[in-house]
Amino acid sequence: MRTAVLVSGGGTNLQALFDAKDRGEMPEVEFVCVVSNRKKAYALERAKAHGVEALYLPTVRFADTDSYNTALRDLLLERQVEAVVLAGFLVVLSRPMTEAFPMRIINVHPSLIPSFCGDGFYGLRVHEAALERGVKVSGATVHFVDEGTDTGPIILQKAVAIEQGDTPEVLQRRIMEQAEWKLLPQAVELLAEGRLLVQDHRVTIKEKV
């Protein structure tokens, strides 16, 4: 499955994908390109180091969200991309992208959706909100992307315990290590194997043949 990864920052989830591929855990996935809206995103350096095309597509070149999404769609279709992975991409995807890749865009969110998700919940803000609320368990969710914010069908989830004295930064790292870096490669490989069946907003994982 020809796959593009969209990233805005350092690319730790991108690295987890590359590492899983190197370990032989994603045999059906080919990483075609990495795209960032930020020129200095370290994720682009990770892509180059891994021999994957690194592309910079800034939002300031475009008048609105749909114009940006149209350009992004065209860039990916030119490279015959079949699936898209969001690994910390802080640009809203709109109809040009979601229609071009229906149930072919995957995102990882650092909470157990529907908790601490939606507009304004990204990065450390998610973990700050979880700690402020006093929940005992958080985690990560991998889901399909639709036109809402964190509203697409859920593929995989994993709970991670919150420990006494946790800071947002400490909790963020634990959730990455225990959940995000494990779930994201697994979900992308499941999609590539054709094992994700979506019906009535629910995802069923088919048995491996």
Protein backbone atom coordinates (compact mmCIF):
# COMPACT_ATOMS: atom_id res chain seq x y z
CA MET A 1 0.00 0.00 0.00
CA ARG A 2 1.58 3.24 -1.18
CA THR A 3 1.41 5.44 1.92
CA ALA A 4 2.06 9.10 2.70
CA VAL A 5 2.66 10.44 6.20
CA LEU A 6 1.70 14.02 7.12
CA VAL A 7 3.60 15.62 10.00
CA SER A 8 3.97 19.12 11.47
CA GLY A 9 6.66 18.58 14.09
CA GLY A 10 9.49 16.34 15.21
CA GLY A 11 8.04 13.15 13.86
CA THR A 12 8.33 10.71 16.76
CA ASN A 13 5.28 8.79 15.51
CA LEU A 14 6.80 8.85 12.02
CA GLN A 15 9.95 7.31 13.45
CA ALA A 16 7.84 4.62 15.12
CA LEU A 17 6.39 3.78 11.71
CA PHE A 18 9.84 3.61 10.12
CA ASP A 19 11.14 1.45 12.98
CA ALA A 20 8.20 -0.96 12.67
CA LYS A 21 8.80 -1.20 8.93
CA ASP A 22 12.49 -1.93 9.54
CA ARG A 23 11.57 -4.67 12.02
CA GLY A 24 9.48 -6.38 9.36
CA GLU A 25 6.15 -5.59 11.04
CA MET A 26 4.66 -3.71 8.06
CA PRO A 27 5.35 -5.90 5.01
CA GLU A 28 2.35 -4.62 3.06
CA VAL A 29 3.21 -0.91 3.51
CA GLU A 30 5.46 1.24 1.31
CA PHE A 31 6.22 4.77 2.51
CA VAL A 32 6.17 6.99 -0.57
CA CYS A 33 6.55 10.46 0.92
CA VAL A 34 6.39 12.58 4.06
CA VAL A 35 4.69 15.97 3.83
CA SER A 36 4.94 18.82 6.34
CA ASN A 37 3.40 22.29 6.51
CA ARG A 38 6.48 23.46 8.41
CA LYS A 39 9.81 23.90 6.64
CA LYS A 40 11.92 23.17 9.73
CA ALA A 41 9.93 20.16 10.92
CA TYR A 42 12.47 17.55 11.98
CA ALA A 43 10.16 14.92 10.52
CA LEU A 44 11.44 15.93 7.08
CA GLU A 45 14.98 15.09 8.16
CA ARG A 46 13.79 11.71 9.44
CA ALA A 47 12.22 11.04 6.03
CA LYS A 48 15.41 11.93 4.15
CA ALA A 49 17.49 9.74 6.47
CA HIS A 50 15.14 6.86 5.70
CA GLY A 51 15.28 7.40 1.93
CA VAL A 52 11.69 8.67 1.72
CA GLU A 53 10.76 11.76 -0.29
CA ALA A 54 10.38 14.80 2.01
CA LEU A 55 7.98 17.52 0.86
CA TYR A 56 7.23 20.97 2.29
CA LEU A 57 3.78 22.38 1.57
CA PRO A 58 3.14 25.57 3.58
CA THR A 59 -0.38 26.74 4.32
CA VAL A 60 0.54 30.42 3.73
CA ARG A 61 0.59 29.85 -0.01
CA PHE A 62 -3.13 29.18 -0.05
CA ALA A 63 -6.20 31.35 0.48
CA ASP A 64 -8.19 28.87 2.55
CA THR A 65 -8.32 25.35 3.94
CA ASP A 66 -9.98 23.82 0.89
CA SER A 67 -7.38 25.30 -1.45
CA TYR A 68 -4.61 23.80 0.67
CA ASN A 69 -6.36 20.45 0.81
CA THR A 70 -6.82 20.45 -2.95
CA ALA A 71 -3.10 21.08 -3.48
CA LEU A 72 -2.23 18.38 -0.94
CA ARG A 73 -4.60 15.92 -2.61
CA ASP A 74 -3.10 16.58 -6.04
CA LEU A 75 0.44 16.21 -4.72
CA LEU A 76 -0.42 12.81 -3.22
CA LEU A 77 -2.38 11.56 -6.22
CA GLU A 78 0.54 12.46 -8.50
CA ARG A 79 2.59 10.00 -6.44
CA GLN A 80 -0.14 7.35 -6.64
CA VAL A 81 -0.64 7.40 -2.88
CA GLU A 82 -3.30 4.96 -1.70
CA ALA A 83 -3.45 5.79 2.02
CA VAL A 84 -2.55 8.69 4.29
CA VAL A 85 -1.32 8.65 7.89
CA LEU A 86 -1.54 11.71 10.13
CA ALA A 87 1.31 11.66 12.63
CA GLY A 88 0.95 14.98 14.41
CA PHE A 89 -0.32 17.03 11.44
CA LEU A 90 -1.78 20.32 12.70
CA VAL A 91 -3.69 21.24 9.55
CA VAL A 92 -7.41 20.51 9.28
CA LEU A 93 -8.27 18.09 6.49
CA SER A 94 -11.37 19.03 4.53
CA ARG A 95 -13.52 17.55 1.77
CA PRO A 96 -10.95 17.52 -1.08
CA MET A 97 -8.81 15.14 0.98
CA THR A 98 -11.52 13.09 2.71
CA GLU A 99 -13.34 12.49 -0.59
CA ALA A 100 -10.14 11.50 -2.39
CA PHE A 101 -9.18 9.01 0.36
CA PRO A 102 -12.43 7.74 1.95
CA MET A 103 -11.62 5.50 4.92
CA ARG A 104 -8.00 5.63 3.75
CA ILE A 105 -6.78 8.35 6.15
CA ILE A 106 -5.65 7.26 9.61
CA ASN A 107 -4.92 9.48 12.62
CA VAL A 108 -3.54 8.78 16.08
CA HIS A 109 -4.96 10.81 18.98
CA PRO A 110 -3.41 10.81 22.49
CA SER A 111 -6.53 10.00 24.50
CA LEU A 112 -9.29 7.43 24.69
CA ILE A 113 -11.82 9.01 22.32
CA PRO A 114 -14.45 10.36 23.01
CA SER A 115 -12.61 11.79 26.04
CA PHE A 116 -10.41 14.86 25.55
CA CYS A 117 -10.80 15.13 21.80
CA GLY A 118 -12.27 17.48 19.22
CA ASP A 119 -11.48 21.11 18.46
CA GLY A 120 -8.59 22.49 20.49
CA PHE A 121 -7.44 19.14 21.86
CA TYR A 122 -4.00 18.39 20.48
CA GLY A 123 -0.47 17.91 21.77
CA LEU A 124 0.09 18.66 25.44
CA ARG A 125 -3.37 20.23 25.76
CA VAL A 126 -4.89 16.74 25.75
CA HIS A 127 -2.72 15.58 28.66
CA GLU A 128 -3.20 18.82 30.59
CA ALA A 129 -6.97 18.35 30.35
CA ALA A 130 -6.78 14.71 31.46
CA LEU A 131 -4.69 15.59 34.51
CA GLU A 132 -6.92 18.56 35.39
CA ARG A 133 -9.98 16.31 35.25
CA GLY A 134 -8.31 13.78 37.53
CA VAL A 135 -8.96 10.71 35.40
CA LYS A 136 -7.10 7.54 36.42
CA VAL A 137 -6.62 6.18 32.91
CA SER A 138 -5.83 7.80 29.58
CA GLY A 139 -4.36 6.27 26.44
CA ALA A 140 -4.38 6.55 22.67
CA THR A 141 -6.83 6.00 19.83
CA VAL A 142 -6.17 5.29 16.17
CA HIS A 143 -9.13 6.20 14.00
CA PHE A 144 -10.18 6.92 10.44
CA VAL A 145 -10.43 10.58 9.49
CA ASP A 146 -13.67 12.10 8.25
CA GLU A 147 -14.71 15.75 7.97
CA GLY A 148 -15.16 16.17 11.72
CA THR A 149 -12.44 16.55 14.34
CA ASP A 150 -11.63 13.16 15.89
CA THR A 151 -15.05 11.86 14.85
CA GLY A 152 -14.10 9.09 12.42
CA PRO A 153 -14.58 5.36 13.13
CA ILE A 154 -12.26 3.98 15.82
CA ILE A 155 -9.78 1.31 14.71
CA LEU A 156 -7.69 0.57 17.82
CA GLN A 157 -7.43 1.86 21.39
CA LYS A 158 -5.06 1.18 24.27
CA ALA A 159 -5.39 2.37 27.86
CA VAL A 160 -2.42 3.78 29.78
CA ALA A 161 -2.46 4.33 33.55
CA ILE A 162 -2.00 7.82 34.97
CA GLU A 163 0.45 7.80 37.86
CA GLN A 164 0.76 10.04 40.89
CA GLY A 165 2.96 13.05 40.17
CA ASP A 166 2.53 12.87 36.40
CA THR A 167 3.14 16.08 34.47
CA PRO A 168 1.65 16.57 30.99
CA GLU A 169 5.10 15.92 29.50
CA VAL A 170 5.64 12.70 31.46
CA LEU A 171 2.16 11.43 30.61
CA GLN A 172 2.64 12.34 26.95
CA ARG A 173 5.82 10.29 26.75
CA ARG A 174 4.28 7.26 28.50
CA ILE A 175 1.28 7.26 26.17
CA MET A 176 3.57 7.52 23.14
CA GLU A 177 5.77 4.63 24.29
CA GLN A 178 3.02 2.33 25.57
CA ALA A 179 0.26 3.08 23.08
CA GLU A 180 0.81 5.41 20.10
CA TRP A 181 4.04 3.83 18.83
CA LYS A 182 2.46 0.37 19.00
CA LEU A 183 -1.05 1.06 17.72
CA LEU A 184 -0.25 3.27 14.74
CA PRO A 185 1.98 0.82 12.82
CA GLN A 186 -0.44 -1.99 13.63
CA ALA A 187 -3.44 -0.06 12.27
CA VAL A 188 -1.66 0.97 9.07
CA GLU A 189 -0.62 -2.62 8.39
CA LEU A 190 -4.18 -3.83 9.03
CA LEU A 191 -5.43 -1.32 6.44
CA ALA A 192 -2.78 -2.43 3.95
CA GLU A 193 -3.79 -6.07 4.46
CA GLY A 194 -7.42 -5.18 3.72
CA ARG A 195 -8.54 -6.36 7.14
CA LEU A 196 -10.47 -3.26 8.29
CA LEU A 197 -14.19 -3.46 7.56
CA VAL A 198 -16.19 -0.27 8.25
CA GLN A 199 -19.95 -0.58 8.67
CA ASP A 200 -22.32 1.79 10.48
CA HIS A 201 -19.37 3.82 11.83
CA ARG A 202 -17.91 0.71 13.43
CA VAL A 203 -14.66 -1.00 12.47
CA THR A 204 -14.36 -4.78 12.44
CA ILE A 205 -10.94 -6.38 12.11
CA LYS A 206 -11.15 -9.41 9.85
CA GLU A 207 -9.17 -12.54 10.58
CA LYS A 208 -5.93 -12.94 8.65
CA VAL A 209 -6.31 -15.39 5.80
